[in-house]
Amino acid sequence: YLQMNSLKPEDTAVYYCAAVKAGAYTVQAMC
């Protein structure tokens, strides 16, 4: 899930989810 609060006009977009099998990258790097 992605809970989105206090939404702003600049949040307007198409939102996608994606998956990858766990690996050596940090979650920040993956993102």
ModelCIF file with pLDDT and N, C-alpha, C, O atoms, coordinates in Angstrom:
data_MODEL
#
_entry.id   MODEL 
#
_entity.id                         1 
_entity.type                       polymer 
_entity.pdbx_number_of_molecules   1 
#
_entity_poly.entity_id                      1 
_entity_poly.type                           'polypeptide(L)' 
_entity_poly.nstd_linkage                   no 
_entity_poly.nstd_monomer                   no 
_entity_poly.pdbx_seq_one_letter_code       YLQMNSLKPEDTAVYYCAAVKAGAYTVQAMC 
_entity_poly.pdbx_seq_one_letter_code_can   YLQMNSLKPEDTAVYYCAAVKAGAYTVQAMC 
_entity_poly.pdbx_strand_id                 A 
#
loop_
_entity_poly_seq.entity_id 
_entity_poly_seq.num 
_entity_poly_seq.mon_id 
_entity_poly_seq.hetero 
1 1  TYR n 
1 2  LEU n 
1 3  GLN n 
1 4  MET n 
1 5  ASN n 
1 6  SER n 
1 7  LEU n 
1 8  LYS n 
1 9  PRO n 
1 10 GLU n 
1 11 ASP n 
1 12 THR n 
1 13 ALA n 
1 14 VAL n 
1 15 TYR n 
1 16 TYR n 
1 17 CYS n 
1 18 ALA n 
1 19 ALA n 
1 20 VAL n 
1 21 LYS n 
1 22 ALA n 
1 23 GLY n 
1 24 ALA n 
1 25 TYR n 
1 26 THR n 
1 27 VAL n 
1 28 GLN n 
1 29 ALA n 
1 30 MET n 
1 31 CYS n 
#
_struct_asym.id          A 
_struct_asym.entity_id   1 
#
loop_
_ma_qa_metric.id 
_ma_qa_metric.mode 
_ma_qa_metric.name 
_ma_qa_metric.software_group_id 
_ma_qa_metric.type 
1 global pLDDT . pLDDT 
2 local  pLDDT . pLDDT 
#
_ma_qa_metric_global.metric_id      1 
_ma_qa_metric_global.metric_value   94.03 
_ma_qa_metric_global.model_id       1 
_ma_qa_metric_global.ordinal_id     1 
#
loop_
_ma_qa_metric_local.label_asym_id 
_ma_qa_metric_local.label_comp_id 
_ma_qa_metric_local.label_seq_id 
_ma_qa_metric_local.metric_id 
_ma_qa_metric_local.metric_value 
_ma_qa_metric_local.model_id 
_ma_qa_metric_local.ordinal_id 
A TYR 1  2 97.00 1 1  
A LEU 2  2 98.00 1 2  
A GLN 3  2 98.00 1 3  
A MET 4  2 98.00 1 4  
A ASN 5  2 98.00 1 5  
A SER 6  2 98.00 1 6  
A LEU 7  2 98.00 1 7  
A LYS 8  2 98.00 1 8  
A PRO 9  2 97.00 1 9  
A GLU 10 2 97.00 1 10 
A ASP 11 2 98.00 1 11 
A THR 12 2 98.00 1 12 
A ALA 13 2 98.00 1 13 
A VAL 14 2 98.00 1 14 
A TYR 15 2 98.00 1 15 
A TYR 16 2 98.00 1 16 
A CYS 17 2 97.00 1 17 
A ALA 18 2 96.00 1 18 
A ALA 19 2 94.00 1 19 
A VAL 20 2 92.00 1 20 
A LYS 21 2 88.00 1 21 
A ALA 22 2 76.00 1 22 
A GLY 23 2 79.00 1 23 
A ALA 24 2 83.00 1 24 
A TYR 25 2 88.00 1 25 
A THR 26 2 91.00 1 26 
A VAL 27 2 93.00 1 27 
A GLN 28 2 93.00 1 28 
A ALA 29 2 93.00 1 29 
A MET 30 2 92.00 1 30 
A CYS 31 2 95.00 1 31 
#
loop_
_atom_site.group_PDB 
_atom_site.id 
_atom_site.type_symbol 
_atom_site.label_atom_id 
_atom_site.label_alt_id 
_atom_site.label_comp_id 
_atom_site.label_asym_id 
_atom_site.label_entity_id 
_atom_site.label_seq_id 
_atom_site.pdbx_PDB_ins_code 
_atom_site.Cartn_x 
_atom_site.Cartn_y 
_atom_site.Cartn_z 
_atom_site.occupancy 
_atom_site.B_iso_or_equiv 
_atom_site.pdbx_formal_charge 
_atom_site.auth_seq_id 
_atom_site.auth_comp_id 
_atom_site.auth_asym_id 
_atom_site.auth_atom_id 
_atom_site.pdbx_PDB_model_num 
ATOM 1   N N  . TYR A 1 1  ? 0.836  -1.200  0.000   1.00 97.00 ? 1  TYR A N  1 
ATOM 2   C CA . TYR A 1 1  ? 0.000  0.000   0.000   1.00 97.00 ? 1  TYR A CA 1 
ATOM 3   C C  . TYR A 1 1  ? 0.873  1.254   0.000   1.00 97.00 ? 1  TYR A C  1 
ATOM 4   O O  . TYR A 1 1  ? 2.022  1.237   0.441   1.00 97.00 ? 1  TYR A O  1 
ATOM 5   N N  . LEU A 1 2  ? 0.299  2.323   -0.501  1.00 98.00 ? 2  LEU A N  1 
ATOM 6   C CA . LEU A 1 2  ? 0.906  3.641   -0.384  1.00 98.00 ? 2  LEU A CA 1 
ATOM 7   C C  . LEU A 1 2  ? -0.180 4.588   0.116   1.00 98.00 ? 2  LEU A C  1 
ATOM 8   O O  . LEU A 1 2  ? -1.076 4.972   -0.635  1.00 98.00 ? 2  LEU A O  1 
ATOM 9   N N  . GLN A 1 3  ? -0.090 4.955   1.376   1.00 98.00 ? 3  GLN A N  1 
ATOM 10  C CA . GLN A 1 3  ? -1.027 5.918   1.947   1.00 98.00 ? 3  GLN A CA 1 
ATOM 11  C C  . GLN A 1 3  ? -0.514 7.314   1.663   1.00 98.00 ? 3  GLN A C  1 
ATOM 12  O O  . GLN A 1 3  ? 0.605  7.659   2.043   1.00 98.00 ? 3  GLN A O  1 
ATOM 13  N N  . MET A 1 4  ? -1.321 8.113   1.001   1.00 98.00 ? 4  MET A N  1 
ATOM 14  C CA . MET A 1 4  ? -0.910 9.454   0.601   1.00 98.00 ? 4  MET A CA 1 
ATOM 15  C C  . MET A 1 4  ? -1.815 10.474  1.273   1.00 98.00 ? 4  MET A C  1 
ATOM 16  O O  . MET A 1 4  ? -3.017 10.517  1.012   1.00 98.00 ? 4  MET A O  1 
ATOM 17  N N  . ASN A 1 5  ? -1.238 11.284  2.129   1.00 98.00 ? 5  ASN A N  1 
ATOM 18  C CA . ASN A 1 5  ? -1.976 12.315  2.846   1.00 98.00 ? 5  ASN A CA 1 
ATOM 19  C C  . ASN A 1 5  ? -1.483 13.697  2.427   1.00 98.00 ? 5  ASN A C  1 
ATOM 20  O O  . ASN A 1 5  ? -0.421 13.832  1.819   1.00 98.00 ? 5  ASN A O  1 
ATOM 21  N N  . SER A 1 6  ? -2.257 14.705  2.755   1.00 98.00 ? 6  SER A N  1 
ATOM 22  C CA . SER A 1 6  ? -1.891 16.096  2.457   1.00 98.00 ? 6  SER A CA 1 
ATOM 23  C C  . SER A 1 6  ? -1.456 16.251  1.005   1.00 98.00 ? 6  SER A C  1 
ATOM 24  O O  . SER A 1 6  ? -0.419 16.845  0.710   1.00 98.00 ? 6  SER A O  1 
ATOM 25  N N  . LEU A 1 7  ? -2.256 15.713  0.119   1.00 98.00 ? 7  LEU A N  1 
ATOM 26  C CA . LEU A 1 7  ? -1.883 15.710  -1.289  1.00 98.00 ? 7  LEU A CA 1 
ATOM 27  C C  . LEU A 1 7  ? -1.831 17.118  -1.861  1.00 98.00 ? 7  LEU A C  1 
ATOM 28  O O  . LEU A 1 7  ? -2.595 18.004  -1.477  1.00 98.00 ? 7  LEU A O  1 
ATOM 29  N N  . LYS A 1 8  ? -0.902 17.290  -2.792  1.00 98.00 ? 8  LYS A N  1 
ATOM 30  C CA . LYS A 1 8  ? -0.678 18.582  -3.436  1.00 98.00 ? 8  LYS A CA 1 
ATOM 31  C C  . LYS A 1 8  ? -0.872 18.421  -4.946  1.00 98.00 ? 8  LYS A C  1 
ATOM 32  O O  . LYS A 1 8  ? -0.755 17.313  -5.471  1.00 98.00 ? 8  LYS A O  1 
ATOM 33  N N  . PRO A 1 9  ? -1.163 19.503  -5.635  1.00 97.00 ? 9  PRO A N  1 
ATOM 34  C CA . PRO A 1 9  ? -1.306 19.403  -7.100  1.00 97.00 ? 9  PRO A CA 1 
ATOM 35  C C  . PRO A 1 9  ? -0.063 18.799  -7.769  1.00 97.00 ? 9  PRO A C  1 
ATOM 36  O O  . PRO A 1 9  ? -0.176 18.111  -8.784  1.00 97.00 ? 9  PRO A O  1 
ATOM 37  N N  . GLU A 1 10 ? 1.094  19.052  -7.213  1.00 97.00 ? 10 GLU A N  1 
ATOM 38  C CA . GLU A 1 10 ? 2.326  18.506  -7.808  1.00 97.00 ? 10 GLU A CA 1 
ATOM 39  C C  . GLU A 1 10 ? 2.482  17.004  -7.607  1.00 97.00 ? 10 GLU A C  1 
ATOM 40  O O  . GLU A 1 10 ? 3.416  16.405  -8.141  1.00 97.00 ? 10 GLU A O  1 
ATOM 41  N N  . ASP A 1 11 ? 1.587  16.388  -6.847  1.00 98.00 ? 11 ASP A N  1 
ATOM 42  C CA . ASP A 1 11 ? 1.563  14.928  -6.720  1.00 98.00 ? 11 ASP A CA 1 
ATOM 43  C C  . ASP A 1 11 ? 0.820  14.272  -7.882  1.00 98.00 ? 11 ASP A C  1 
ATOM 44  O O  . ASP A 1 11 ? 0.816  13.048  -8.006  1.00 98.00 ? 11 ASP A O  1 
ATOM 45  N N  . THR A 1 12 ? 0.201  15.075  -8.720  1.00 98.00 ? 12 THR A N  1 
ATOM 46  C CA . THR A 1 12 ? -0.537 14.537  -9.864  1.00 98.00 ? 12 THR A CA 1 
ATOM 47  C C  . THR A 1 12 ? 0.404  13.790  -10.800 1.00 98.00 ? 12 THR A C  1 
ATOM 48  O O  . THR A 1 12 ? 1.407  14.339  -11.257 1.00 98.00 ? 12 THR A O  1 
ATOM 49  N N  . ALA A 1 13 ? 0.070  12.538  -11.079 1.00 98.00 ? 13 ALA A N  1 
ATOM 50  C CA . ALA A 1 13 ? 0.920  11.686  -11.914 1.00 98.00 ? 13 ALA A CA 1 
ATOM 51  C C  . ALA A 1 13 ? 0.262  10.325  -12.073 1.00 98.00 ? 13 ALA A C  1 
ATOM 52  O O  . ALA A 1 13 ? -0.733 10.015  -11.418 1.00 98.00 ? 13 ALA A O  1 
ATOM 53  N N  . VAL A 1 14 ? 0.835  9.524   -12.952 1.00 98.00 ? 14 VAL A N  1 
ATOM 54  C CA . VAL A 1 14 ? 0.494  8.103   -12.988 1.00 98.00 ? 14 VAL A CA 1 
ATOM 55  C C  . VAL A 1 14 ? 1.439  7.409   -12.014 1.00 98.00 ? 14 VAL A C  1 
ATOM 56  O O  . VAL A 1 14 ? 2.657  7.578   -12.080 1.00 98.00 ? 14 VAL A O  1 
ATOM 57  N N  . TYR A 1 15 ? 0.860  6.632   -11.116 1.00 98.00 ? 15 TYR A N  1 
ATOM 58  C CA . TYR A 1 15 ? 1.644  5.935   -10.108 1.00 98.00 ? 15 TYR A CA 1 
ATOM 59  C C  . TYR A 1 15 ? 1.758  4.458   -10.485 1.00 98.00 ? 15 TYR A C  1 
ATOM 60  O O  . TYR A 1 15 ? 0.774  3.806   -10.833 1.00 98.00 ? 15 TYR A O  1 
ATOM 61  N N  . TYR A 1 16 ? 2.977  3.958   -10.406 1.00 98.00 ? 16 TYR A N  1 
ATOM 62  C CA . TYR A 1 16 ? 3.271  2.575   -10.733 1.00 98.00 ? 16 TYR A CA 1 
ATOM 63  C C  . TYR A 1 16 ? 3.874  1.870   -9.527  1.00 98.00 ? 16 TYR A C  1 
ATOM 64  O O  . TYR A 1 16 ? 4.608  2.475   -8.745  1.00 98.00 ? 16 TYR A O  1 
ATOM 65  N N  . CYS A 1 17 ? 3.560  0.583   -9.381  1.00 97.00 ? 17 CYS A N  1 
ATOM 66  C CA . CYS A 1 17 ? 4.313  -0.204  -8.424  1.00 97.00 ? 17 CYS A CA 1 
ATOM 67  C C  . CYS A 1 17 ? 5.197  -1.174  -9.194  1.00 97.00 ? 17 CYS A C  1 
ATOM 68  O O  . CYS A 1 17 ? 4.921  -1.527  -10.340 1.00 97.00 ? 17 CYS A O  1 
ATOM 69  N N  . ALA A 1 18 ? 6.258  -1.590  -8.534  1.00 96.00 ? 18 ALA A N  1 
ATOM 70  C CA . ALA A 1 18 ? 7.238  -2.478  -9.161  1.00 96.00 ? 18 ALA A CA 1 
ATOM 71  C C  . ALA A 1 18 ? 7.821  -3.401  -8.110  1.00 96.00 ? 18 ALA A C  1 
ATOM 72  O O  . ALA A 1 18 ? 7.810  -3.095  -6.917  1.00 96.00 ? 18 ALA A O  1 
ATOM 73  N N  . ALA A 1 19 ? 8.323  -4.522  -8.562  1.00 94.00 ? 19 ALA A N  1 
ATOM 74  C CA . ALA A 1 19 ? 8.869  -5.523  -7.653  1.00 94.00 ? 19 ALA A CA 1 
ATOM 75  C C  . ALA A 1 19 ? 10.214 -6.026  -8.165  1.00 94.00 ? 19 ALA A C  1 
ATOM 76  O O  . ALA A 1 19 ? 10.454 -6.110  -9.369  1.00 94.00 ? 19 ALA A O  1 
ATOM 77  N N  . VAL A 1 20 ? 11.078 -6.357  -7.216  1.00 92.00 ? 20 VAL A N  1 
ATOM 78  C CA . VAL A 1 20 ? 12.356 -6.981  -7.566  1.00 92.00 ? 20 VAL A CA 1 
ATOM 79  C C  . VAL A 1 20 ? 12.744 -7.924  -6.438  1.00 92.00 ? 20 VAL A C  1 
ATOM 80  O O  . VAL A 1 20 ? 12.531 -7.625  -5.263  1.00 92.00 ? 20 VAL A O  1 
ATOM 81  N N  . LYS A 1 21 ? 13.308 -9.055  -6.804  1.00 88.00 ? 21 LYS A N  1 
ATOM 82  C CA . LYS A 1 21 ? 13.707 -10.010 -5.791  1.00 88.00 ? 21 LYS A CA 1 
ATOM 83  C C  . LYS A 1 21 ? 14.864 -9.439  -4.991  1.00 88.00 ? 21 LYS A C  1 
ATOM 84  O O  . LYS A 1 21 ? 15.757 -8.786  -5.531  1.00 88.00 ? 21 LYS A O  1 
ATOM 85  N N  . ALA A 1 22 ? 14.828 -9.701  -3.694  1.00 76.00 ? 22 ALA A N  1 
ATOM 86  C CA . ALA A 1 22 ? 15.815 -9.119  -2.795  1.00 76.00 ? 22 ALA A CA 1 
ATOM 87  C C  . ALA A 1 22 ? 17.233 -9.389  -3.301  1.00 76.00 ? 22 ALA A C  1 
ATOM 88  O O  . ALA A 1 22 ? 17.546 -10.489 -3.757  1.00 76.00 ? 22 ALA A O  1 
ATOM 89  N N  . GLY A 1 23 ? 18.087 -8.357  -3.210  1.00 79.00 ? 23 GLY A N  1 
ATOM 90  C CA . GLY A 1 23 ? 19.460 -8.493  -3.670  1.00 79.00 ? 23 GLY A CA 1 
ATOM 91  C C  . GLY A 1 23 ? 20.394 -7.710  -2.785  1.00 79.00 ? 23 GLY A C  1 
ATOM 92  O O  . GLY A 1 23 ? 20.128 -7.503  -1.602  1.00 79.00 ? 23 GLY A O  1 
ATOM 93  N N  . ALA A 1 24 ? 21.493 -7.277  -3.372  1.00 83.00 ? 24 ALA A N  1 
ATOM 94  C CA . ALA A 1 24 ? 22.535 -6.640  -2.574  1.00 83.00 ? 24 ALA A CA 1 
ATOM 95  C C  . ALA A 1 24 ? 22.342 -5.131  -2.421  1.00 83.00 ? 24 ALA A C  1 
ATOM 96  O O  . ALA A 1 24 ? 23.046 -4.501  -1.632  1.00 83.00 ? 24 ALA A O  1 
ATOM 97  N N  . TYR A 1 25 ? 21.412 -4.548  -3.152  1.00 88.00 ? 25 TYR A N  1 
ATOM 98  C CA . TYR A 1 25 ? 21.245 -3.101  -3.130  1.00 88.00 ? 25 TYR A CA 1 
ATOM 99  C C  . TYR A 1 25 ? 20.483 -2.655  -1.891  1.00 88.00 ? 25 TYR A C  1 
ATOM 100 O O  . TYR A 1 25 ? 19.654 -3.391  -1.358  1.00 88.00 ? 25 TYR A O  1 
ATOM 101 N N  . THR A 1 26 ? 20.775 -1.442  -1.443  1.00 91.00 ? 26 THR A N  1 
ATOM 102 C CA . THR A 1 26 ? 19.978 -0.853  -0.372  1.00 91.00 ? 26 THR A CA 1 
ATOM 103 C C  . THR A 1 26 ? 18.626 -0.446  -0.954  1.00 91.00 ? 26 THR A C  1 
ATOM 104 O O  . THR A 1 26 ? 18.478 -0.291  -2.166  1.00 91.00 ? 26 THR A O  1 
ATOM 105 N N  . VAL A 1 27 ? 17.659 -0.278  -0.082  1.00 93.00 ? 27 VAL A N  1 
ATOM 106 C CA . VAL A 1 27 ? 16.334 0.109   -0.556  1.00 93.00 ? 27 VAL A CA 1 
ATOM 107 C C  . VAL A 1 27 ? 16.389 1.494   -1.199  1.00 93.00 ? 27 VAL A C  1 
ATOM 108 O O  . VAL A 1 27 ? 15.650 1.771   -2.143  1.00 93.00 ? 27 VAL A O  1 
ATOM 109 N N  . GLN A 1 28 ? 17.263 2.364   -0.691  1.00 93.00 ? 28 GLN A N  1 
ATOM 110 C CA . GLN A 1 28 ? 17.388 3.683   -1.297  1.00 93.00 ? 28 GLN A CA 1 
ATOM 111 C C  . GLN A 1 28 ? 17.944 3.571   -2.718  1.00 93.00 ? 28 GLN A C  1 
ATOM 112 O O  . GLN A 1 28 ? 17.435 4.210   -3.640  1.00 93.00 ? 28 GLN A O  1 
ATOM 113 N N  . ALA A 1 29 ? 18.978 2.766   -2.889  1.00 93.00 ? 29 ALA A N  1 
ATOM 114 C CA . ALA A 1 29 ? 19.574 2.620   -4.219  1.00 93.00 ? 29 ALA A CA 1 
ATOM 115 C C  . ALA A 1 29 ? 18.567 2.044   -5.208  1.00 93.00 ? 29 ALA A C  1 
ATOM 116 O O  . ALA A 1 29 ? 18.470 2.490   -6.351  1.00 93.00 ? 29 ALA A O  1 
ATOM 117 N N  . MET A 1 30 ? 17.819 1.043   -4.745  1.00 92.00 ? 30 MET A N  1 
ATOM 118 C CA . MET A 1 30 ? 16.824 0.429   -5.624  1.00 92.00 ? 30 MET A CA 1 
ATOM 119 C C  . MET A 1 30 ? 15.798 1.457   -6.070  1.00 92.00 ? 30 MET A C  1 
ATOM 120 O O  . MET A 1 30 ? 15.360 1.453   -7.220  1.00 92.00 ? 30 MET A O  1 
ATOM 121 N N  . CYS A 1 31 ? 15.422 2.331   -5.157  1.00 95.00 ? 31 CYS A N  1 
ATOM 122 C CA . CYS A 1 31 ? 14.382 3.310   -5.455  1.00 95.00 ? 31 CYS A CA 1 
ATOM 123 C C  . CYS A 1 31 ? 14.916 4.419   -6.367  1.00 95.00 ? 31 CYS A C  1 
ATOM 124 O O  . CYS A 1 31 ? 14.175 5.335   -6.724  1.00 95.00 ? 31 CYS A O  1 
#
